[in-house]
Amino acid sequence: MKSLSLALLAAGSVLAFSAIAAKADVVCNEEGDCWRTKTKYEYRPEFKVRVYKDDWKWDQKEDKKYRWRESREDRGYWRQGVWIGF
């Protein structure tokens, strides 16, 4: 019984950690390029990006305005289709 309890506790911990780690904010620039970031960065105003919560989605009528870009692990932002590191 003790082994089963430990196994369930371990499995629950893994699931809880996975749920936290899976969260990723959505960042979009003024050109409509959007990507996900797992790290919270402080973007300067001149980068002209907006950060949304991980569950943010654009409306169907905005499909032509927004497009997904590759999510990157390094710090930076998309500008005119090019990744700019900072």
PDB file of N, CA and C in Angstrom:
ATOM      1  N   MET A   1       0.822  -1.187   0.000  1.00  0.00           N
ATOM      2  CA  MET A   1       0.000   0.000   0.000  1.00  0.00           C
ATOM      3  C   MET A   1       0.870   1.256   0.000  1.00  0.00           C
ATOM      4  N   LYS A   2       1.955   1.208   0.764  1.00  0.00           N
ATOM      5  CA  LYS A   2       2.859   2.357   0.837  1.00  0.00           C
ATOM      6  C   LYS A   2       3.512   2.604  -0.527  1.00  0.00           C
ATOM      7  N   SER A   3       3.876   1.531  -1.220  1.00  0.00           N
ATOM      8  CA  SER A   3       4.489   1.663  -2.546  1.00  0.00           C
ATOM      9  C   SER A   3       3.513   2.283  -3.539  1.00  0.00           C
ATOM     10  N   LEU A   4       2.267   1.872  -3.482  1.00  0.00           N
ATOM     11  CA  LEU A   4       1.243   2.420  -4.371  1.00  0.00           C
ATOM     12  C   LEU A   4       1.042   3.913  -4.098  1.00  0.00           C
ATOM     13  N   SER A   5       1.020   4.292  -2.857  1.00  0.00           N
ATOM     14  CA  SER A   5       0.864   5.702  -2.495  1.00  0.00           C
ATOM     15  C   SER A   5       2.019   6.532  -3.021  1.00  0.00           C
ATOM     16  N   LEU A   6       3.241   6.020  -2.879  1.00  0.00           N
ATOM     17  CA  LEU A   6       4.416   6.737  -3.382  1.00  0.00           C
ATOM     18  C   LEU A   6       4.384   6.851  -4.904  1.00  0.00           C
ATOM     19  N   ALA A   7       3.964   5.787  -5.578  1.00  0.00           N
ATOM     20  CA  ALA A   7       3.880   5.808  -7.038  1.00  0.00           C
ATOM     21  C   ALA A   7       2.850   6.836  -7.502  1.00  0.00           C
ATOM     22  N   LEU A   8       1.695   6.881  -6.851  1.00  0.00           N
ATOM     23  CA  LEU A   8       0.666   7.859  -7.210  1.00  0.00           C
ATOM     24  C   LEU A   8       1.130   9.284  -6.940  1.00  0.00           C
ATOM     25  N   LEU A   9       1.819   9.484  -5.846  1.00  0.00           N
ATOM     26  CA  LEU A   9       2.348  10.803  -5.526  1.00  0.00           C
ATOM     27  C   LEU A   9       3.377  11.241  -6.566  1.00  0.00           C
ATOM     28  N   ALA A  10       4.254  10.339  -6.955  1.00  0.00           N
ATOM     29  CA  ALA A  10       5.265  10.653  -7.966  1.00  0.00           C
ATOM     30  C   ALA A  10       4.611  10.968  -9.306  1.00  0.00           C
ATOM     31  N   ALA A  11       3.618  10.185  -9.704  1.00  0.00           N
ATOM     32  CA  ALA A  11       2.920  10.418 -10.971  1.00  0.00           C
ATOM     33  C   ALA A  11       2.195  11.762 -10.937  1.00  0.00           C
ATOM     34  N   GLY A  12       1.572  12.079  -9.834  1.00  0.00           N
ATOM     35  CA  GLY A  12       0.889  13.366  -9.697  1.00  0.00           C
ATOM     36  C   GLY A  12       1.850  14.536  -9.768  1.00  0.00           C
ATOM     37  N   SER A  13       3.023  14.388  -9.185  1.00  0.00           N
ATOM     38  CA  SER A  13       4.029  15.445  -9.227  1.00  0.00           C
ATOM     39  C   SER A  13       4.505  15.688 -10.653  1.00  0.00           C
ATOM     40  N   VAL A  14       4.718  14.613 -11.399  1.00  0.00           N
ATOM     41  CA  VAL A  14       5.151  14.736 -12.794  1.00  0.00           C
ATOM     42  C   VAL A  14       4.081  15.446 -13.607  1.00  0.00           C
ATOM     43  N   LEU A  15       2.824  15.080 -13.425  1.00  0.00           N
ATOM     44  CA  LEU A  15       1.739  15.728 -14.160  1.00  0.00           C
ATOM     45  C   LEU A  15       1.625  17.202 -13.799  1.00  0.00           C
ATOM     46  N   ALA A  16       1.742  17.525 -12.540  1.00  0.00           N
ATOM     47  CA  ALA A  16       1.656  18.925 -12.113  1.00  0.00           C
ATOM     48  C   ALA A  16       2.793  19.734 -12.704  1.00  0.00           C
ATOM     49  N   PHE A  17       3.993  19.195 -12.693  1.00  0.00           N
ATOM     50  CA  PHE A  17       5.145  19.896 -13.258  1.00  0.00           C
ATOM     51  C   PHE A  17       4.977  20.070 -14.761  1.00  0.00           C
ATOM     52  N   SER A  18       4.473  19.070 -15.450  1.00  0.00           N
ATOM     53  CA  SER A  18       4.265  19.151 -16.891  1.00  0.00           C
ATOM     54  C   SER A  18       3.266  20.242 -17.234  1.00  0.00           C
ATOM     55  N   ALA A  19       2.214  20.362 -16.448  1.00  0.00           N
ATOM     56  CA  ALA A  19       1.196  21.378 -16.711  1.00  0.00           C
ATOM     57  C   ALA A  19       1.778  22.777 -16.548  1.00  0.00           C
ATOM     58  N   ILE A  20       2.629  22.962 -15.565  1.00  0.00           N
ATOM     59  CA  ILE A  20       3.260  24.263 -15.352  1.00  0.00           C
ATOM     60  C   ILE A  20       4.257  24.551 -16.472  1.00  0.00           C
ATOM     61  N   ALA A  21       5.053  23.586 -16.835  1.00  0.00           N
ATOM     62  CA  ALA A  21       6.078  23.788 -17.848  1.00  0.00           C
ATOM     63  C   ALA A  21       5.481  24.015 -19.228  1.00  0.00           C
ATOM     64  N   ALA A  22       4.275  23.529 -19.471  1.00  0.00           N
ATOM     65  CA  ALA A  22       3.671  23.644 -20.792  1.00  0.00           C
ATOM     66  C   ALA A  22       3.161  25.053 -21.072  1.00  0.00           C
ATOM     67  N   LYS A  23       2.976  25.869 -20.064  1.00  0.00           N
ATOM     68  CA  LYS A  23       2.478  27.223 -20.281  1.00  0.00           C
ATOM     69  C   LYS A  23       3.499  28.042 -21.058  1.00  0.00           C
ATOM     70  N   ALA A  24       3.016  28.766 -22.047  1.00  0.00           N
ATOM     71  CA  ALA A  24       3.883  29.607 -22.853  1.00  0.00           C
ATOM     72  C   ALA A  24       3.090  30.819 -23.314  1.00  0.00           C
ATOM     73  N   ASP A  25       3.569  32.012 -22.989  1.00  0.00           N
ATOM     74  CA  ASP A  25       2.891  33.222 -23.429  1.00  0.00           C
ATOM     75  C   ASP A  25       2.956  33.333 -24.947  1.00  0.00           C
ATOM     76  N   VAL A  26       2.018  34.076 -25.497  1.00  0.00           N
ATOM     77  CA  VAL A  26       2.000  34.366 -26.929  1.00  0.00           C
ATOM     78  C   VAL A  26       2.476  35.801 -27.093  1.00  0.00           C
ATOM     79  N   VAL A  27       3.428  36.005 -27.997  1.00  0.00           N
ATOM     80  CA  VAL A  27       3.944  37.340 -28.287  1.00  0.00           C
ATOM     81  C   VAL A  27       3.663  37.624 -29.759  1.00  0.00           C
ATOM     82  N   CYS A  28       3.144  38.814 -30.050  1.00  0.00           N
ATOM     83  CA  CYS A  28       2.868  39.209 -31.430  1.00  0.00           C
ATOM     84  C   CYS A  28       3.473  40.582 -31.689  1.00  0.00           C
ATOM     85  N   ASN A  29       4.041  40.755 -32.876  1.00  0.00           N
ATOM     86  CA  ASN A  29       4.534  42.073 -33.253  1.00  0.00           C
ATOM     87  C   ASN A  29       3.464  42.810 -34.040  1.00  0.00           C
ATOM     88  N   GLU A  30       3.713  44.057 -34.363  1.00  0.00           N
ATOM     89  CA  GLU A  30       2.712  44.870 -35.058  1.00  0.00           C
ATOM     90  C   GLU A  30       2.472  44.404 -36.489  1.00  0.00           C
ATOM     91  N   GLU A  31       3.353  43.548 -37.019  1.00  0.00           N
ATOM     92  CA  GLU A  31       3.195  43.015 -38.374  1.00  0.00           C
ATOM     93  C   GLU A  31       2.309  41.772 -38.399  1.00  0.00           C
ATOM     94  N   GLY A  32       1.930  41.270 -37.219  1.00  0.00           N
ATOM     95  CA  GLY A  32       1.061  40.098 -37.135  1.00  0.00           C
ATOM     96  C   GLY A  32       1.790  38.782 -36.968  1.00  0.00           C
ATOM     97  N   ASP A  33       3.118  38.828 -36.802  1.00  0.00           N
ATOM     98  CA  ASP A  33       3.885  37.611 -36.527  1.00  0.00           C
ATOM     99  C   ASP A  33       3.702  37.271 -35.052  1.00  0.00           C
ATOM    100  N   CYS A  34       3.315  36.028 -34.750  1.00  0.00           N
ATOM    101  CA  CYS A  34       3.113  35.590 -33.372  1.00  0.00           C
ATOM    102  C   CYS A  34       3.943  34.346 -33.094  1.00  0.00           C
ATOM    103  N   TRP A  35       4.434  34.223 -31.877  1.00  0.00           N
ATOM    104  CA  TRP A  35       5.211  33.066 -31.458  1.00  0.00           C
ATOM    105  C   TRP A  35       4.986  32.844 -29.975  1.00  0.00           C
ATOM    106  N   ARG A  36       5.355  31.668 -29.501  1.00  0.00           N
ATOM    107  CA  ARG A  36       5.222  31.327 -28.086  1.00  0.00           C
ATOM    108  C   ARG A  36       6.580  31.431 -27.407  1.00  0.00           C
ATOM    109  N   THR A  37       6.533  31.854 -26.154  1.00  0.00           N
ATOM    110  CA  THR A  37       7.751  31.930 -25.356  1.00  0.00           C
ATOM    111  C   THR A  37       7.471  31.379 -23.963  1.00  0.00           C
ATOM    112  N   LYS A  38       8.344  30.527 -23.490  1.00  0.00           N
ATOM    113  CA  LYS A  38       8.199  29.950 -22.155  1.00  0.00           C
ATOM    114  C   LYS A  38       8.801  30.851 -21.087  1.00  0.00           C
ATOM    115  N   THR A  39       9.638  31.780 -21.506  1.00  0.00           N
ATOM    116  CA  THR A  39      10.319  32.678 -20.585  1.00  0.00           C
ATOM    117  C   THR A  39       9.697  34.066 -20.669  1.00  0.00           C
ATOM    118  N   LYS A  40       9.502  34.683 -19.535  1.00  0.00           N
ATOM    119  CA  LYS A  40       8.965  36.052 -19.521  1.00  0.00           C
ATOM    120  C   LYS A  40      10.119  37.030 -19.732  1.00  0.00           C
ATOM    121  N   TYR A  41      10.063  37.745 -20.848  1.00  0.00           N
ATOM    122  CA  TYR A  41      11.062  38.761 -21.143  1.00  0.00           C
ATOM    123  C   TYR A  41      10.433  40.136 -21.007  1.00  0.00           C
ATOM    124  N   GLU A  42      11.247  41.108 -20.723  1.00  0.00           N
ATOM    125  CA  GLU A  42      10.780  42.486 -20.726  1.00  0.00           C
ATOM    126  C   GLU A  42      11.160  43.081 -22.072  1.00  0.00           C
ATOM    127  N   TYR A  43      10.171  43.205 -22.944  1.00  0.00           N
ATOM    128  CA  TYR A  43      10.403  43.746 -24.277  1.00  0.00           C
ATOM    129  C   TYR A  43      10.364  45.269 -24.221  1.00  0.00           C
ATOM    130  N   ARG A  44      11.316  45.908 -24.862  1.00  0.00           N
ATOM    131  CA  ARG A  44      11.331  47.363 -24.909  1.00  0.00           C
ATOM    132  C   ARG A  44      10.187  47.869 -25.788  1.00  0.00           C
ATOM    133  N   PRO A  45       9.658  49.051 -25.499  1.00  0.00           N
ATOM    134  CA  PRO A  45       8.553  49.592 -26.304  1.00  0.00           C
ATOM    135  C   PRO A  45       8.895  49.714 -27.789  1.00  0.00           C
ATOM    136  N   GLU A  46      10.145  49.998 -28.123  1.00  0.00           N
ATOM    137  CA  GLU A  46      10.527  50.143 -29.537  1.00  0.00           C
ATOM    138  C   GLU A  46      10.481  48.824 -30.311  1.00  0.00           C
ATOM    139  N   PHE A  47      10.392  47.684 -29.609  1.00  0.00           N
ATOM    140  CA  PHE A  47      10.236  46.391 -30.284  1.00  0.00           C
ATOM    141  C   PHE A  47       8.826  46.237 -30.847  1.00  0.00           C
ATOM    142  N   LYS A  48       7.885  47.008 -30.307  1.00  0.00           N
ATOM    143  CA  LYS A  48       6.489  47.027 -30.760  1.00  0.00           C
ATOM    144  C   LYS A  48       5.860  45.634 -30.785  1.00  0.00           C
ATOM    145  N   VAL A  49       5.950  44.961 -29.632  1.00  0.00           N
ATOM    146  CA  VAL A  49       5.315  43.644 -29.482  1.00  0.00           C
ATOM    147  C   VAL A  49       4.314  43.702 -28.343  1.00  0.00           C
ATOM    148  N   ARG A  50       3.371  42.790 -28.374  1.00  0.00           N
ATOM    149  CA  ARG A  50       2.391  42.643 -27.296  1.00  0.00           C
ATOM    150  C   ARG A  50       2.488  41.224 -26.779  1.00  0.00           C
ATOM    151  N   VAL A  51       2.394  41.071 -25.466  1.00  0.00           N
ATOM    152  CA  VAL A  51       2.460  39.757 -24.826  1.00  0.00           C
ATOM    153  C   VAL A  51       1.067  39.408 -24.324  1.00  0.00           C
ATOM    154  N   TYR A  52       0.616  38.203 -24.695  1.00  0.00           N
ATOM    155  CA  TYR A  52      -0.702  37.722 -24.295  1.00  0.00           C
ATOM    156  C   TYR A  52      -0.537  36.470 -23.432  1.00  0.00           C
ATOM    157  N   LYS A  53      -1.574  36.138 -22.667  1.00  0.00           N
ATOM    158  CA  LYS A  53      -1.562  34.902 -21.882  1.00  0.00           C
ATOM    159  C   LYS A  53      -1.533  33.699 -22.816  1.00  0.00           C
ATOM    160  N   ASP A  54      -1.137  32.563 -22.284  1.00  0.00           N
ATOM    161  CA  ASP A  54      -0.935  31.360 -23.096  1.00  0.00           C
ATOM    162  C   ASP A  54      -2.191  30.871 -23.813  1.00  0.00           C
ATOM    163  N   ASP A  55      -3.367  31.247 -23.342  1.00  0.00           N
ATOM    164  CA  ASP A  55      -4.595  30.780 -23.989  1.00  0.00           C
ATOM    165  C   ASP A  55      -5.148  31.775 -25.022  1.00  0.00           C
ATOM    166  N   TRP A  56      -4.405  32.843 -25.328  1.00  0.00           N
ATOM    167  CA  TRP A  56      -4.865  33.854 -26.271  1.00  0.00           C
ATOM    168  C   TRP A  56      -4.937  33.276 -27.687  1.00  0.00           C
ATOM    169  N   LYS A  57      -5.993  33.639 -28.393  1.00  0.00           N
ATOM    170  CA  LYS A  57      -6.167  33.237 -29.794  1.00  0.00           C
ATOM    171  C   LYS A  57      -6.744  34.419 -30.544  1.00  0.00           C
ATOM    172  N   TRP A  58      -6.387  34.542 -31.798  1.00  0.00           N
ATOM    173  CA  TRP A  58      -7.020  35.595 -32.595  1.00  0.00           C
ATOM    174  C   TRP A  58      -8.343  35.086 -33.139  1.00  0.00           C
ATOM    175  N   ASP A  59      -9.243  36.028 -33.404  1.00  0.00           N
ATOM    176  CA  ASP A  59     -10.557  35.685 -33.954  1.00  0.00           C
ATOM    177  C   ASP A  59     -10.417  35.165 -35.372  1.00  0.00           C
ATOM    178  N   GLN A  60     -11.378  34.374 -35.796  1.00  0.00           N
ATOM    179  CA  GLN A  60     -11.363  33.819 -37.150  1.00  0.00           C
ATOM    180  C   GLN A  60     -11.306  34.926 -38.198  1.00  0.00           C
ATOM    181  N   LYS A  61     -11.958  36.056 -37.938  1.00  0.00           N
ATOM    182  CA  LYS A  61     -11.950  37.160 -38.894  1.00  0.00           C
ATOM    183  C   LYS A  61     -10.571  37.829 -38.999  1.00  0.00           C
ATOM    184  N   GLU A  62      -9.663  37.518 -38.062  1.00  0.00           N
ATOM    185  CA  GLU A  62      -8.314  38.085 -38.074  1.00  0.00           C
ATOM    186  C   GLU A  62      -7.277  37.130 -38.664  1.00  0.00           C
ATOM    187  N   ASP A  63      -7.724  36.046 -39.320  1.00  0.00           N
ATOM    188  CA  ASP A  63      -6.801  35.052 -39.878  1.00  0.00           C
ATOM    189  C   ASP A  63      -5.796  35.649 -40.858  1.00  0.00           C
ATOM    190  N   LYS A  64      -6.185  36.665 -41.583  1.00  0.00           N
ATOM    191  CA  LYS A  64      -5.262  37.273 -42.549  1.00  0.00           C
ATOM    192  C   LYS A  64      -4.303  38.261 -41.881  1.00  0.00           C
ATOM    193  N   LYS A  65      -4.639  38.680 -40.657  1.00  0.00           N
ATOM    194  CA  LYS A  65      -3.800  39.643 -39.935  1.00  0.00           C
ATOM    195  C   LYS A  65      -2.649  38.965 -39.201  1.00  0.00           C
ATOM    196  N   TYR A  66      -2.896  37.781 -38.629  1.00  0.00           N
ATOM    197  CA  TYR A  66      -1.897  37.100 -37.802  1.00  0.00           C
ATOM    198  C   TYR A  66      -1.394  35.821 -38.455  1.00  0.00           C
ATOM    199  N   ARG A  67      -0.165  35.429 -38.127  1.00  0.00           N
ATOM    200  CA  ARG A  67       0.406  34.155 -38.570  1.00  0.00           C
ATOM    201  C   ARG A  67       1.404  33.686 -37.507  1.00  0.00           C
ATOM    202  N   TRP A  68       1.513  32.375 -37.374  1.00  0.00           N
ATOM    203  CA  TRP A  68       2.440  31.795 -36.401  1.00  0.00           C
ATOM    204  C   TRP A  68       3.843  31.760 -36.977  1.00  0.00           C
ATOM    205  N   ARG A  69       4.799  32.110 -36.156  1.00  0.00           N
ATOM    206  CA  ARG A  69       6.221  31.982 -36.466  1.00  0.00           C
ATOM    207  C   ARG A  69       6.812  30.921 -35.544  1.00  0.00           C
ATOM    208  N   GLU A  70       7.986  30.483 -35.892  1.00  0.00           N
ATOM    209  CA  GLU A  70       8.699  29.489 -35.087  1.00  0.00           C
ATOM    210  C   GLU A  70       8.962  30.046 -33.692  1.00  0.00           C
ATOM    211  N   SER A  71       8.683  29.245 -32.686  1.00  0.00           N
ATOM    212  CA  SER A  71       9.028  29.621 -31.315  1.00  0.00           C
ATOM    213  C   SER A  71      10.511  29.379 -31.116  1.00  0.00           C
ATOM    214  N   ARG A  72      11.166  30.299 -30.448  1.00  0.00           N
ATOM    215  CA  ARG A  72      12.609  30.205 -30.255  1.00  0.00           C
ATOM    216  C   ARG A  72      12.924  30.135 -28.763  1.00  0.00           C
ATOM    217  N   GLU A  73      14.031  29.494 -28.433  1.00  0.00           N
ATOM    218  CA  GLU A  73      14.464  29.387 -27.041  1.00  0.00           C
ATOM    219  C   GLU A  73      15.326  30.582 -26.631  1.00  0.00           C
ATOM    220  N   ASP A  74      15.951  31.255 -27.605  1.00  0.00           N
ATOM    221  CA  ASP A  74      16.805  32.392 -27.280  1.00  0.00           C
ATOM    222  C   ASP A  74      15.974  33.676 -27.207  1.00  0.00           C
ATOM    223  N   ARG A  75      16.531  34.691 -26.559  1.00  0.00           N
ATOM    224  CA  ARG A  75      15.819  35.960 -26.387  1.00  0.00           C
ATOM    225  C   ARG A  75      15.786  36.715 -27.708  1.00  0.00           C
ATOM    226  N   GLY A  76      14.632  37.277 -28.001  1.00  0.00           N
ATOM    227  CA  GLY A  76      14.520  38.073 -29.207  1.00  0.00           C
ATOM    228  C   GLY A  76      13.080  38.251 -29.626  1.00  0.00           C
ATOM    229  N   TYR A  77      12.893  38.696 -30.867  1.00  0.00           N
ATOM    230  CA  TYR A  77      11.563  38.938 -31.409  1.00  0.00           C
ATOM    231  C   TYR A  77      11.636  38.905 -32.935  1.00  0.00           C
ATOM    232  N   TRP A  78      10.510  38.685 -33.568  1.00  0.00           N
ATOM    233  CA  TRP A  78      10.426  38.668 -35.022  1.00  0.00           C
ATOM    234  C   TRP A  78      10.173  40.082 -35.532  1.00  0.00           C
ATOM    235  N   ARG A  79      10.882  40.477 -36.583  1.00  0.00           N
ATOM    236  CA  ARG A  79      10.679  41.776 -37.237  1.00  0.00           C
ATOM    237  C   ARG A  79      10.909  41.580 -38.735  1.00  0.00           C
ATOM    238  N   GLN A  80       9.902  41.853 -39.530  1.00  0.00           N
ATOM    239  CA  GLN A  80       9.955  41.718 -40.989  1.00  0.00           C
ATOM    240  C   GLN A  80      10.428  40.331 -41.410  1.00  0.00           C
ATOM    241  N   GLY A  81       9.936  39.302 -40.709  1.00  0.00           N
ATOM    242  CA  GLY A  81      10.243  37.920 -41.051  1.00  0.00           C
ATOM    243  C   GLY A  81      11.610  37.430 -40.612  1.00  0.00           C
ATOM    244  N   VAL A  82      12.337  38.239 -39.832  1.00  0.00           N
ATOM    245  CA  VAL A  82      13.698  37.896 -39.376  1.00  0.00           C
ATOM    246  C   VAL A  82      13.709  37.910 -37.849  1.00  0.00           C
ATOM    247  N   TRP A  83      14.359  36.905 -37.250  1.00  0.00           N
ATOM    248  CA  TRP A  83      14.504  36.855 -35.797  1.00  0.00           C
ATOM    249  C   TRP A  83      15.618  37.815 -35.373  1.00  0.00           C
ATOM    250  N   ILE A  84      15.301  38.725 -34.469  1.00  0.00           N
ATOM    251  CA  ILE A  84      16.261  39.709 -33.952  1.00  0.00           C
ATOM    252  C   ILE A  84      16.546  39.331 -32.501  1.00  0.00           C
ATOM    253  N   GLY A  85      17.766  38.917 -32.228  1.00  0.00           N
ATOM    254  CA  GLY A  85      18.142  38.545 -30.866  1.00  0.00           C
ATOM    255  C   GLY A  85      18.484  39.780 -30.042  1.00  0.00           C
ATOM    256  N   PHE A  86      18.268  39.687 -28.746  1.00  0.00           N
ATOM    257  CA  PHE A  86      18.676  40.775 -27.850  1.00  0.00           C
ATOM    258  C   PHE A  86      19.218  40.221 -26.567  1.00  0.00           C
TER     259      PHE A  86
END
